[in-house]
Amino acid sequence: MTVTRSILLFVLAAVAEIGGAWLVWQGVREHRGLLWTGAGVVALGVYGFVATWQPDAHFGRILAAYGGVFVAGSLAWGMALDGFRPDRYDLIGAAICLVGVAVIMYAPRPA
């Protein structure tokens, strides 16, 4: 259950951070206005709280592992919302990052 909870929290964190950054991008770069930008800032703040809900107590480990989730999530977000088409090297890189996440977060460690 702890691994499942952790994975769900990583997904929620990715939606909040990547979505927040995308909203800021839309508000500023695409000139959609302050409402979009403000919503992005709020979402980025939510991301900061979601990361604290991870069951592991080590900030460095959580943020390092989340980096891999962010890489894969960013590519997926770009595909879903911006029509981005990753090439095989993008996909290989994302897969390597997710393997890194699994090693960092879920490798057996002494208690």
PDB file of N, CA and C in Angstrom:
ATOM      1  N   MET A   1       0.823  -1.207   0.000  1.00  0.00           N
ATOM      2  CA  MET A   1       0.000   0.000   0.000  1.00  0.00           C
ATOM      3  C   MET A   1       0.860   1.261   0.000  1.00  0.00           C
ATOM      4  N   THR A   2       2.009   1.214   0.687  1.00  0.00           N
ATOM      5  CA  THR A   2       2.868   2.389   0.755  1.00  0.00           C
ATOM      6  C   THR A   2       3.409   2.760  -0.620  1.00  0.00           C
ATOM      7  N   VAL A   3       3.796   1.761  -1.432  1.00  0.00           N
ATOM      8  CA  VAL A   3       4.300   2.042  -2.775  1.00  0.00           C
ATOM      9  C   VAL A   3       3.188   2.634  -3.631  1.00  0.00           C
ATOM     10  N   THR A   4       2.005   2.067  -3.551  1.00  0.00           N
ATOM     11  CA  THR A   4       0.867   2.594  -4.315  1.00  0.00           C
ATOM     12  C   THR A   4       0.579   4.032  -3.923  1.00  0.00           C
ATOM     13  N   ARG A   5       0.567   4.310  -2.643  1.00  0.00           N
ATOM     14  CA  ARG A   5       0.332   5.685  -2.164  1.00  0.00           C
ATOM     15  C   ARG A   5       1.410   6.616  -2.688  1.00  0.00           C
ATOM     16  N   SER A   6       2.643   6.187  -2.625  1.00  0.00           N
ATOM     17  CA  SER A   6       3.759   7.002  -3.089  1.00  0.00           C
ATOM     18  C   SER A   6       3.636   7.308  -4.582  1.00  0.00           C
ATOM     19  N   ILE A   7       3.308   6.306  -5.371  1.00  0.00           N
ATOM     20  CA  ILE A   7       3.158   6.509  -6.815  1.00  0.00           C
ATOM     21  C   ILE A   7       2.024   7.490  -7.096  1.00  0.00           C
ATOM     22  N   LEU A   8       0.902   7.326  -6.411  1.00  0.00           N
ATOM     23  CA  LEU A   8      -0.226   8.252  -6.604  1.00  0.00           C
ATOM     24  C   LEU A   8       0.157   9.684  -6.223  1.00  0.00           C
ATOM     25  N   LEU A   9       0.932   9.828  -5.159  1.00  0.00           N
ATOM     26  CA  LEU A   9       1.389  11.165  -4.763  1.00  0.00           C
ATOM     27  C   LEU A   9       2.346  11.750  -5.797  1.00  0.00           C
ATOM     28  N   PHE A  10       3.208  10.924  -6.382  1.00  0.00           N
ATOM     29  CA  PHE A  10       4.085  11.421  -7.448  1.00  0.00           C
ATOM     30  C   PHE A  10       3.266  11.894  -8.650  1.00  0.00           C
ATOM     31  N   VAL A  11       2.226  11.140  -8.999  1.00  0.00           N
ATOM     32  CA  VAL A  11       1.368  11.547 -10.121  1.00  0.00           C
ATOM     33  C   VAL A  11       0.658  12.861  -9.795  1.00  0.00           C
ATOM     34  N   LEU A  12       0.113  12.975  -8.590  1.00  0.00           N
ATOM     35  CA  LEU A  12      -0.552  14.208  -8.177  1.00  0.00           C
ATOM     36  C   LEU A  12       0.427  15.383  -8.177  1.00  0.00           C
ATOM     37  N   ALA A  13       1.630  15.149  -7.676  1.00  0.00           N
ATOM     38  CA  ALA A  13       2.651  16.205  -7.671  1.00  0.00           C
ATOM     39  C   ALA A  13       2.988  16.635  -9.097  1.00  0.00           C
ATOM     40  N   ALA A  14       3.097  15.675  -9.999  1.00  0.00           N
ATOM     41  CA  ALA A  14       3.413  15.997 -11.390  1.00  0.00           C
ATOM     42  C   ALA A  14       2.306  16.830 -12.029  1.00  0.00           C
ATOM     43  N   VAL A  15       1.062  16.455 -11.787  1.00  0.00           N
ATOM     44  CA  VAL A  15      -0.058  17.228 -12.343  1.00  0.00           C
ATOM     45  C   VAL A  15      -0.029  18.655 -11.804  1.00  0.00           C
ATOM     46  N   ALA A  16       0.222  18.795 -10.499  1.00  0.00           N
ATOM     47  CA  ALA A  16       0.244  20.133  -9.901  1.00  0.00           C
ATOM     48  C   ALA A  16       1.425  20.956 -10.426  1.00  0.00           C
ATOM     49  N   GLU A  17       2.616  20.369 -10.457  1.00  0.00           N
ATOM     50  CA  GLU A  17       3.776  21.167 -10.866  1.00  0.00           C
ATOM     51  C   GLU A  17       3.802  21.415 -12.365  1.00  0.00           C
ATOM     52  N   ILE A  18       3.634  20.381 -13.145  1.00  0.00           N
ATOM     53  CA  ILE A  18       3.677  20.552 -14.599  1.00  0.00           C
ATOM     54  C   ILE A  18       2.481  21.379 -15.054  1.00  0.00           C
ATOM     55  N   GLY A  19       1.313  21.104 -14.478  1.00  0.00           N
ATOM     56  CA  GLY A  19       0.131  21.897 -14.809  1.00  0.00           C
ATOM     57  C   GLY A  19       0.294  23.349 -14.409  1.00  0.00           C
ATOM     58  N   GLY A  20       0.870  23.583 -13.232  1.00  0.00           N
ATOM     59  CA  GLY A  20       1.102  24.959 -12.787  1.00  0.00           C
ATOM     60  C   GLY A  20       2.062  25.691 -13.701  1.00  0.00           C
ATOM     61  N   ALA A  21       3.148  25.039 -14.053  1.00  0.00           N
ATOM     62  CA  ALA A  21       4.116  25.670 -14.956  1.00  0.00           C
ATOM     63  C   ALA A  21       3.484  25.931 -16.324  1.00  0.00           C
ATOM     64  N   TRP A  22       2.666  24.986 -16.795  1.00  0.00           N
ATOM     65  CA  TRP A  22       1.991  25.162 -18.083  1.00  0.00           C
ATOM     66  C   TRP A  22       1.019  26.338 -18.033  1.00  0.00           C
ATOM     67  N   LEU A  23       0.289  26.466 -16.924  1.00  0.00           N
ATOM     68  CA  LEU A  23      -0.647  27.593 -16.791  1.00  0.00           C
ATOM     69  C   LEU A  23       0.093  28.934 -16.779  1.00  0.00           C
ATOM     70  N   VAL A  24       1.218  28.991 -16.071  1.00  0.00           N
ATOM     71  CA  VAL A  24       2.017  30.221 -16.087  1.00  0.00           C
ATOM     72  C   VAL A  24       2.506  30.492 -17.508  1.00  0.00           C
ATOM     73  N   TRP A  25       2.985  29.481 -18.181  1.00  0.00           N
ATOM     74  CA  TRP A  25       3.439  29.612 -19.577  1.00  0.00           C
ATOM     75  C   TRP A  25       2.313  30.163 -20.447  1.00  0.00           C
ATOM     76  N   GLN A  26       1.124  29.591 -20.292  1.00  0.00           N
ATOM     77  CA  GLN A  26      -0.015  30.054 -21.096  1.00  0.00           C
ATOM     78  C   GLN A  26      -0.358  31.507 -20.764  1.00  0.00           C
ATOM     79  N   GLY A  27      -0.334  31.835 -19.484  1.00  0.00           N
ATOM     80  CA  GLY A  27      -0.670  33.197 -19.083  1.00  0.00           C
ATOM     81  C   GLY A  27       0.322  34.216 -19.586  1.00  0.00           C
ATOM     82  N   VAL A  28       1.611  33.887 -19.550  1.00  0.00           N
ATOM     83  CA  VAL A  28       2.649  34.848 -19.925  1.00  0.00           C
ATOM     84  C   VAL A  28       3.016  34.740 -21.399  1.00  0.00           C
ATOM     85  N   ARG A  29       3.439  33.569 -21.827  1.00  0.00           N
ATOM     86  CA  ARG A  29       3.942  33.404 -23.203  1.00  0.00           C
ATOM     87  C   ARG A  29       2.837  33.433 -24.248  1.00  0.00           C
ATOM     88  N   GLU A  30       1.672  32.934 -23.873  1.00  0.00           N
ATOM     89  CA  GLU A  30       0.560  32.893 -24.835  1.00  0.00           C
ATOM     90  C   GLU A  30      -0.435  34.027 -24.589  1.00  0.00           C
ATOM     91  N   HIS A  31      -0.090  34.917 -23.685  1.00  0.00           N
ATOM     92  CA  HIS A  31      -0.878  36.130 -23.413  1.00  0.00           C
ATOM     93  C   HIS A  31      -2.333  35.831 -23.038  1.00  0.00           C
ATOM     94  N   ARG A  32      -2.521  34.821 -22.208  1.00  0.00           N
ATOM     95  CA  ARG A  32      -3.875  34.487 -21.762  1.00  0.00           C
ATOM     96  C   ARG A  32      -4.285  35.242 -20.508  1.00  0.00           C
ATOM     97  N   GLY A  33      -3.339  35.920 -19.875  1.00  0.00           N
ATOM     98  CA  GLY A  33      -3.699  36.818 -18.790  1.00  0.00           C
ATOM     99  C   GLY A  33      -3.350  36.351 -17.393  1.00  0.00           C
ATOM    100  N   LEU A  34      -3.671  37.240 -16.461  1.00  0.00           N
ATOM    101  CA  LEU A  34      -3.318  37.025 -15.065  1.00  0.00           C
ATOM    102  C   LEU A  34      -4.081  35.886 -14.409  1.00  0.00           C
ATOM    103  N   LEU A  35      -5.286  35.614 -14.845  1.00  0.00           N
ATOM    104  CA  LEU A  35      -6.057  34.515 -14.263  1.00  0.00           C
ATOM    105  C   LEU A  35      -5.338  33.180 -14.481  1.00  0.00           C
ATOM    106  N   TRP A  36      -4.854  32.958 -15.694  1.00  0.00           N
ATOM    107  CA  TRP A  36      -4.097  31.741 -15.992  1.00  0.00           C
ATOM    108  C   TRP A  36      -2.812  31.705 -15.179  1.00  0.00           C
ATOM    109  N   THR A  37      -2.119  32.834 -15.148  1.00  0.00           N
ATOM    110  CA  THR A  37      -0.861  32.906 -14.407  1.00  0.00           C
ATOM    111  C   THR A  37      -1.101  32.661 -12.922  1.00  0.00           C
ATOM    112  N   GLY A  38      -2.110  33.283 -12.362  1.00  0.00           N
ATOM    113  CA  GLY A  38      -2.428  33.097 -10.942  1.00  0.00           C
ATOM    114  C   GLY A  38      -2.808  31.670 -10.620  1.00  0.00           C
ATOM    115  N   ALA A  39      -3.581  31.046 -11.494  1.00  0.00           N
ATOM    116  CA  ALA A  39      -3.950  29.640 -11.287  1.00  0.00           C
ATOM    117  C   ALA A  39      -2.701  28.767 -11.308  1.00  0.00           C
ATOM    118  N   GLY A  40      -1.762  29.110 -12.168  1.00  0.00           N
ATOM    119  CA  GLY A  40      -0.505  28.376 -12.222  1.00  0.00           C
ATOM    120  C   GLY A  40       0.295  28.512 -10.942  1.00  0.00           C
ATOM    121  N   VAL A  41       0.343  29.710 -10.402  1.00  0.00           N
ATOM    122  CA  VAL A  41       1.067  29.938  -9.148  1.00  0.00           C
ATOM    123  C   VAL A  41       0.427  29.129  -8.018  1.00  0.00           C
ATOM    124  N   VAL A  42      -0.882  29.093  -7.968  1.00  0.00           N
ATOM    125  CA  VAL A  42      -1.580  28.299  -6.940  1.00  0.00           C
ATOM    126  C   VAL A  42      -1.247  26.816  -7.111  1.00  0.00           C
ATOM    127  N   ALA A  43      -1.300  26.316  -8.337  1.00  0.00           N
ATOM    128  CA  ALA A  43      -0.994  24.907  -8.589  1.00  0.00           C
ATOM    129  C   ALA A  43       0.442  24.576  -8.185  1.00  0.00           C
ATOM    130  N   LEU A  44       1.368  25.478  -8.460  1.00  0.00           N
ATOM    131  CA  LEU A  44       2.757  25.248  -8.053  1.00  0.00           C
ATOM    132  C   LEU A  44       2.880  25.186  -6.533  1.00  0.00           C
ATOM    133  N   GLY A  45       2.105  26.006  -5.832  1.00  0.00           N
ATOM    134  CA  GLY A  45       2.083  25.941  -4.374  1.00  0.00           C
ATOM    135  C   GLY A  45       1.524  24.617  -3.876  1.00  0.00           C
ATOM    136  N   VAL A  46       0.492  24.118  -4.536  1.00  0.00           N
ATOM    137  CA  VAL A  46      -0.093  22.825  -4.176  1.00  0.00           C
ATOM    138  C   VAL A  46       0.955  21.723  -4.327  1.00  0.00           C
ATOM    139  N   TYR A  47       1.738  21.790  -5.401  1.00  0.00           N
ATOM    140  CA  TYR A  47       2.801  20.812  -5.606  1.00  0.00           C
ATOM    141  C   TYR A  47       3.727  20.753  -4.383  1.00  0.00           C
ATOM    142  N   GLY A  48       4.090  21.899  -3.855  1.00  0.00           N
ATOM    143  CA  GLY A  48       4.985  21.943  -2.707  1.00  0.00           C
ATOM    144  C   GLY A  48       4.431  21.191  -1.512  1.00  0.00           C
ATOM    145  N   PHE A  49       3.137  21.250  -1.316  1.00  0.00           N
ATOM    146  CA  PHE A  49       2.516  20.524  -0.204  1.00  0.00           C
ATOM    147  C   PHE A  49       2.400  19.034  -0.497  1.00  0.00           C
ATOM    148  N   VAL A  50       2.050  18.691  -1.727  1.00  0.00           N
ATOM    149  CA  VAL A  50       1.882  17.278  -2.078  1.00  0.00           C
ATOM    150  C   VAL A  50       3.179  16.510  -1.839  1.00  0.00           C
ATOM    151  N   ALA A  51       4.298  17.114  -2.168  1.00  0.00           N
ATOM    152  CA  ALA A  51       5.582  16.435  -1.970  1.00  0.00           C
ATOM    153  C   ALA A  51       5.814  16.070  -0.500  1.00  0.00           C
ATOM    154  N   THR A  52       5.287  16.858   0.409  1.00  0.00           N
ATOM    155  CA  THR A  52       5.485  16.578   1.840  1.00  0.00           C
ATOM    156  C   THR A  52       4.681  15.377   2.318  1.00  0.00           C
ATOM    157  N   TRP A  53       3.725  14.910   1.545  1.00  0.00           N
ATOM    158  CA  TRP A  53       2.879  13.787   1.935  1.00  0.00           C
ATOM    159  C   TRP A  53       3.496  12.429   1.606  1.00  0.00           C
ATOM    160  N   GLN A  54       4.647  12.421   0.951  1.00  0.00           N
ATOM    161  CA  GLN A  54       5.307  11.151   0.637  1.00  0.00           C
ATOM    162  C   GLN A  54       5.646  10.421   1.939  1.00  0.00           C
ATOM    163  N   PRO A  55       5.533   9.100   1.950  1.00  0.00           N
ATOM    164  CA  PRO A  55       5.820   8.360   3.170  1.00  0.00           C
ATOM    165  C   PRO A  55       7.298   8.407   3.601  1.00  0.00           C
ATOM    166  N   ASP A  56       8.216   8.552   2.665  1.00  0.00           N
ATOM    167  CA  ASP A  56       9.637   8.642   3.006  1.00  0.00           C
ATOM    168  C   ASP A  56       9.923  10.017   3.597  1.00  0.00           C
ATOM    169  N   ALA A  57      10.735  10.068   4.628  1.00  0.00           N
ATOM    170  CA  ALA A  57      10.981  11.325   5.355  1.00  0.00           C
ATOM    171  C   ALA A  57      12.179  12.109   4.830  1.00  0.00           C
ATOM    172  N   HIS A  58      12.837  11.659   3.774  1.00  0.00           N
ATOM    173  CA  HIS A  58      14.061  12.297   3.301  1.00  0.00           C
ATOM    174  C   HIS A  58      13.781  13.217   2.111  1.00  0.00           C
ATOM    175  N   PHE A  59      13.892  14.518   2.364  1.00  0.00           N
ATOM    176  CA  PHE A  59      13.608  15.527   1.333  1.00  0.00           C
ATOM    177  C   PHE A  59      14.419  15.285   0.069  1.00  0.00           C
ATOM    178  N   GLY A  60      15.724  15.072   0.205  1.00  0.00           N
ATOM    179  CA  GLY A  60      16.581  14.887  -0.965  1.00  0.00           C
ATOM    180  C   GLY A  60      16.168  13.702  -1.804  1.00  0.00           C
ATOM    181  N   ARG A  61      15.811  12.609  -1.149  1.00  0.00           N
ATOM    182  CA  ARG A  61      15.386  11.408  -1.878  1.00  0.00           C
ATOM    183  C   ARG A  61      14.078  11.669  -2.628  1.00  0.00           C
ATOM    184  N   ILE A  62      13.133  12.293  -1.961  1.00  0.00           N
ATOM    185  CA  ILE A  62      11.836  12.565  -2.595  1.00  0.00           C
ATOM    186  C   ILE A  62      12.012  13.456  -3.818  1.00  0.00           C
ATOM    187  N   LEU A  63      12.755  14.546  -3.662  1.00  0.00           N
ATOM    188  CA  LEU A  63      12.910  15.481  -4.774  1.00  0.00           C
ATOM    189  C   LEU A  63      13.743  14.897  -5.896  1.00  0.00           C
ATOM    190  N   ALA A  64      14.753  14.091  -5.563  1.00  0.00           N
ATOM    191  CA  ALA A  64      15.551  13.441  -6.604  1.00  0.00           C
ATOM    192  C   ALA A  64      14.681  12.472  -7.412  1.00  0.00           C
ATOM    193  N   ALA A  65      13.905  11.674  -6.719  1.00  0.00           N
ATOM    194  CA  ALA A  65      13.027  10.727  -7.407  1.00  0.00           C
ATOM    195  C   ALA A  65      11.964  11.473  -8.211  1.00  0.00           C
ATOM    196  N   TYR A  66      11.416  12.532  -7.632  1.00  0.00           N
ATOM    197  CA  TYR A  66      10.390  13.282  -8.351  1.00  0.00           C
ATOM    198  C   TYR A  66      10.941  13.854  -9.655  1.00  0.00           C
ATOM    199  N   GLY A  67      12.238  14.162  -9.679  1.00  0.00           N
ATOM    200  CA  GLY A  67      12.842  14.662 -10.919  1.00  0.00           C
ATOM    201  C   GLY A  67      12.598  13.718 -12.082  1.00  0.00           C
ATOM    202  N   GLY A  68      12.708  12.417 -11.840  1.00  0.00           N
ATOM    203  CA  GLY A  68      12.440  11.439 -12.894  1.00  0.00           C
ATOM    204  C   GLY A  68      10.983  11.412 -13.304  1.00  0.00           C
ATOM    205  N   VAL A  69      10.103  11.529 -12.324  1.00  0.00           N
ATOM    206  CA  VAL A  69       8.665  11.590 -12.619  1.00  0.00           C
ATOM    207  C   VAL A  69       8.366  12.844 -13.439  1.00  0.00           C
ATOM    208  N   PHE A  70       9.019  13.962 -13.079  1.00  0.00           N
ATOM    209  CA  PHE A  70       8.819  15.214 -13.798  1.00  0.00           C
ATOM    210  C   PHE A  70       9.221  15.081 -15.266  1.00  0.00           C
ATOM    211  N   VAL A  71      10.341  14.422 -15.534  1.00  0.00           N
ATOM    212  CA  VAL A  71      10.798  14.249 -16.922  1.00  0.00           C
ATOM    213  C   VAL A  71       9.749  13.500 -17.737  1.00  0.00           C
ATOM    214  N   ALA A  72       9.324  12.346 -17.242  1.00  0.00           N
ATOM    215  CA  ALA A  72       8.334  11.553 -17.972  1.00  0.00           C
ATOM    216  C   ALA A  72       6.989  12.270 -18.051  1.00  0.00           C
ATOM    217  N   GLY A  73       6.586  12.884 -16.942  1.00  0.00           N
ATOM    218  CA  GLY A  73       5.306  13.601 -16.917  1.00  0.00           C
ATOM    219  C   GLY A  73       5.282  14.789 -17.856  1.00  0.00           C
ATOM    220  N   SER A  74       6.394  15.480 -17.975  1.00  0.00           N
ATOM    221  CA  SER A  74       6.463  16.635 -18.873  1.00  0.00           C
ATOM    222  C   SER A  74       6.276  16.219 -20.327  1.00  0.00           C
ATOM    223  N   LEU A  75       6.896  15.111 -20.702  1.00  0.00           N
ATOM    224  CA  LEU A  75       6.709  14.610 -22.062  1.00  0.00           C
ATOM    225  C   LEU A  75       5.253  14.210 -22.291  1.00  0.00           C
ATOM    226  N   ALA A  76       4.666  13.520 -21.323  1.00  0.00           N
ATOM    227  CA  ALA A  76       3.260  13.114 -21.449  1.00  0.00           C
ATOM    228  C   ALA A  76       2.344  14.329 -21.529  1.00  0.00           C
ATOM    229  N   TRP A  77       2.606  15.347 -20.705  1.00  0.00           N
ATOM    230  CA  TRP A  77       1.797  16.576 -20.730  1.00  0.00           C
ATOM    231  C   TRP A  77       1.893  17.239 -22.104  1.00  0.00           C
ATOM    232  N   GLY A  78       3.106  17.340 -22.619  1.00  0.00           N
ATOM    233  CA  GLY A  78       3.294  17.943 -23.937  1.00  0.00           C
ATOM    234  C   GLY A  78       2.543  17.194 -25.019  1.00  0.00           C
ATOM    235  N   MET A  79       2.518  15.870 -24.925  1.00  0.00           N
ATOM    236  CA  MET A  79       1.776  15.070 -25.902  1.00  0.00           C
ATOM    237  C   MET A  79       0.279  15.325 -25.789  1.00  0.00           C
ATOM    238  N   ALA A  80      -0.213  15.355 -24.553  1.00  0.00           N
ATOM    239  CA  ALA A  80      -1.656  15.471 -24.335  1.00  0.00           C
ATOM    240  C   ALA A  80      -2.188  16.870 -24.623  1.00  0.00           C
ATOM    241  N   LEU A  81      -1.427  17.906 -24.284  1.00  0.00           N
ATOM    242  CA  LEU A  81      -1.976  19.254 -24.369  1.00  0.00           C
ATOM    243  C   LEU A  81      -1.368  20.147 -25.440  1.00  0.00           C
ATOM    244  N   ASP A  82      -0.174  19.825 -25.901  1.00  0.00           N
ATOM    245  CA  ASP A  82       0.483  20.705 -26.877  1.00  0.00           C
ATOM    246  C   ASP A  82       0.797  20.029 -28.202  1.00  0.00           C
ATOM    247  N   GLY A  83       0.374  18.797 -28.373  1.00  0.00           N
ATOM    248  CA  GLY A  83       0.608  18.103 -29.633  1.00  0.00           C
ATOM    249  C   GLY A  83       2.068  17.714 -29.854  1.00  0.00           C
ATOM    250  N   PHE A  84       2.865  17.680 -28.795  1.00  0.00           N
ATOM    251  CA  PHE A  84       4.269  17.296 -28.886  1.00  0.00           C
ATOM    252  C   PHE A  84       4.372  15.818 -29.195  1.00  0.00           C
ATOM    253  N   ARG A  85       5.275  15.471 -30.082  1.00  0.00           N
ATOM    254  CA  ARG A  85       5.497  14.070 -30.430  1.00  0.00           C
ATOM    255  C   ARG A  85       6.936  13.706 -30.073  1.00  0.00           C
ATOM    256  N   PRO A  86       7.112  13.009 -28.954  1.00  0.00           N
ATOM    257  CA  PRO A  86       8.476  12.647 -28.550  1.00  0.00           C
ATOM    258  C   PRO A  86       9.081  11.631 -29.519  1.00  0.00           C
ATOM    259  N   ASP A  87      10.386  11.741 -29.703  1.00  0.00           N
ATOM    260  CA  ASP A  87      11.059  10.733 -30.523  1.00  0.00           C
ATOM    261  C   ASP A  87      11.526   9.590 -29.625  1.00  0.00           C
ATOM    262  N   ARG A  88      12.146   8.610 -30.220  1.00  0.00           N
ATOM    263  CA  ARG A  88      12.533   7.424 -29.443  1.00  0.00           C
ATOM    264  C   ARG A  88      13.531   7.756 -28.345  1.00  0.00           C
ATOM    265  N   TYR A  89      14.355   8.774 -28.567  1.00  0.00           N
ATOM    266  CA  TYR A  89      15.330   9.148 -27.539  1.00  0.00           C
ATOM    267  C   TYR A  89      14.654   9.826 -26.353  1.00  0.00           C
ATOM    268  N   ASP A  90      13.614  10.594 -26.616  1.00  0.00           N
ATOM    269  CA  ASP A  90      12.819  11.154 -25.510  1.00  0.00           C
ATOM    270  C   ASP A  90      12.225  10.020 -24.672  1.00  0.00           C
ATOM    271  N   LEU A  91      11.666   9.033 -25.352  1.00  0.00           N
ATOM    272  CA  LEU A  91      11.015   7.920 -24.653  1.00  0.00           C
ATOM    273  C   LEU A  91      12.019   7.053 -23.898  1.00  0.00           C
ATOM    274  N   ILE A  92      13.172   6.807 -24.512  1.00  0.00           N
ATOM    275  CA  ILE A  92      14.211   6.037 -23.828  1.00  0.00           C
ATOM    276  C   ILE A  92      14.692   6.801 -22.594  1.00  0.00           C
ATOM    277  N   GLY A  93      14.919   8.095 -22.748  1.00  0.00           N
ATOM    278  CA  GLY A  93      15.357   8.908 -21.611  1.00  0.00           C
ATOM    279  C   GLY A  93      14.345   8.910 -20.484  1.00  0.00           C
ATOM    280  N   ALA A  94      13.060   9.031 -20.835  1.00  0.00           N
ATOM    281  CA  ALA A  94      12.012   9.017 -19.812  1.00  0.00           C
ATOM    282  C   ALA A  94      11.966   7.664 -19.102  1.00  0.00           C
ATOM    283  N   ALA A  95      12.121   6.589 -19.853  1.00  0.00           N
ATOM    284  CA  ALA A  95      12.114   5.253 -19.244  1.00  0.00           C
ATOM    285  C   ALA A  95      13.296   5.090 -18.283  1.00  0.00           C
ATOM    286  N   ILE A  96      14.454   5.582 -18.683  1.00  0.00           N
ATOM    287  CA  ILE A  96      15.627   5.523 -17.797  1.00  0.00           C
ATOM    288  C   ILE A  96      15.343   6.304 -16.512  1.00  0.00           C
ATOM    289  N   CYS A  97      14.736   7.475 -16.656  1.00  0.00           N
ATOM    290  CA  CYS A  97      14.399   8.276 -15.471  1.00  0.00           C
ATOM    291  C   CYS A  97      13.453   7.527 -14.539  1.00  0.00           C
ATOM    292  N   LEU A  98      12.451   6.860 -15.098  1.00  0.00           N
ATOM    293  CA  LEU A  98      11.493   6.135 -14.260  1.00  0.00           C
ATOM    294  C   LEU A  98      12.131   4.926 -13.587  1.00  0.00           C
ATOM    295  N   VAL A  99      13.083   4.290 -14.249  1.00  0.00           N
ATOM    296  CA  VAL A  99      13.834   3.220 -13.586  1.00  0.00           C
ATOM    297  C   VAL A  99      14.613   3.814 -12.414  1.00  0.00           C
ATOM    298  N   GLY A 100      15.196   4.985 -12.625  1.00  0.00           N
ATOM    299  CA  GLY A 100      15.895   5.664 -11.539  1.00  0.00           C
ATOM    300  C   GLY A 100      14.980   5.973 -10.366  1.00  0.00           C
ATOM    301  N   VAL A 101      13.764   6.401 -10.649  1.00  0.00           N
ATOM    302  CA  VAL A 101      12.779   6.666  -9.595  1.00  0.00           C
ATOM    303  C   VAL A 101      12.549   5.392  -8.784  1.00  0.00           C
ATOM    304  N   ALA A 102      12.344   4.284  -9.480  1.00  0.00           N
ATOM    305  CA  ALA A 102      12.074   3.017  -8.795  1.00  0.00           C
ATOM    306  C   ALA A 102      13.255   2.618  -7.907  1.00  0.00           C
ATOM    307  N   VAL A 103      14.467   2.792  -8.388  1.00  0.00           N
ATOM    308  CA  VAL A 103      15.646   2.433  -7.602  1.00  0.00           C
ATOM    309  C   VAL A 103      15.759   3.343  -6.383  1.00  0.00           C
ATOM    310  N   ILE A 104      15.615   4.639  -6.602  1.00  0.00           N
ATOM    311  CA  ILE A 104      15.761   5.602  -5.491  1.00  0.00           C
ATOM    312  C   ILE A 104      14.694   5.380  -4.418  1.00  0.00           C
ATOM    313  N   MET A 105      13.467   5.197  -4.835  1.00  0.00           N
ATOM    314  CA  MET A 105      12.358   5.164  -3.873  1.00  0.00           C
ATOM    315  C   MET A 105      12.049   3.788  -3.311  1.00  0.00           C
ATOM    316  N   TYR A 106      12.182   2.761  -4.118  1.00  0.00           N
ATOM    317  CA  TYR A 106      11.589   1.486  -3.714  1.00  0.00           C
ATOM    318  C   TYR A 106      12.599   0.345  -3.569  1.00  0.00           C
ATOM    319  N   ALA A 107      13.895   0.632  -3.665  1.00  0.00           N
ATOM    320  CA  ALA A 107      14.892  -0.401  -3.405  1.00  0.00           C
ATOM    321  C   ALA A 107      14.840  -0.785  -1.925  1.00  0.00           C
ATOM    322  N   PRO A 108      15.039  -2.044  -1.626  1.00  0.00           N
ATOM    323  CA  PRO A 108      15.007  -2.455  -0.214  1.00  0.00           C
ATOM    324  C   PRO A 108      16.159  -1.802   0.566  1.00  0.00           C
ATOM    325  N   ARG A 109      15.843  -1.261   1.707  1.00  0.00           N
ATOM    326  CA  ARG A 109      16.835  -0.628   2.576  1.00  0.00           C
ATOM    327  C   ARG A 109      16.669  -1.167   3.989  1.00  0.00           C
ATOM    328  N   PRO A 110      17.759  -1.186   4.712  1.00  0.00           N
ATOM    329  CA  PRO A 110      17.627  -1.625   6.116  1.00  0.00           C
ATOM    330  C   PRO A 110      16.779  -0.628   6.900  1.00  0.00           C
ATOM    331  N   ALA A 111      16.038  -1.125   7.824  1.00  0.00           N
ATOM    332  CA  ALA A 111      15.133  -0.284   8.624  1.00  0.00           C
ATOM    333  C   ALA A 111      15.841   0.553   9.591  1.00  0.00           C
TER     334      ALA A 111
END
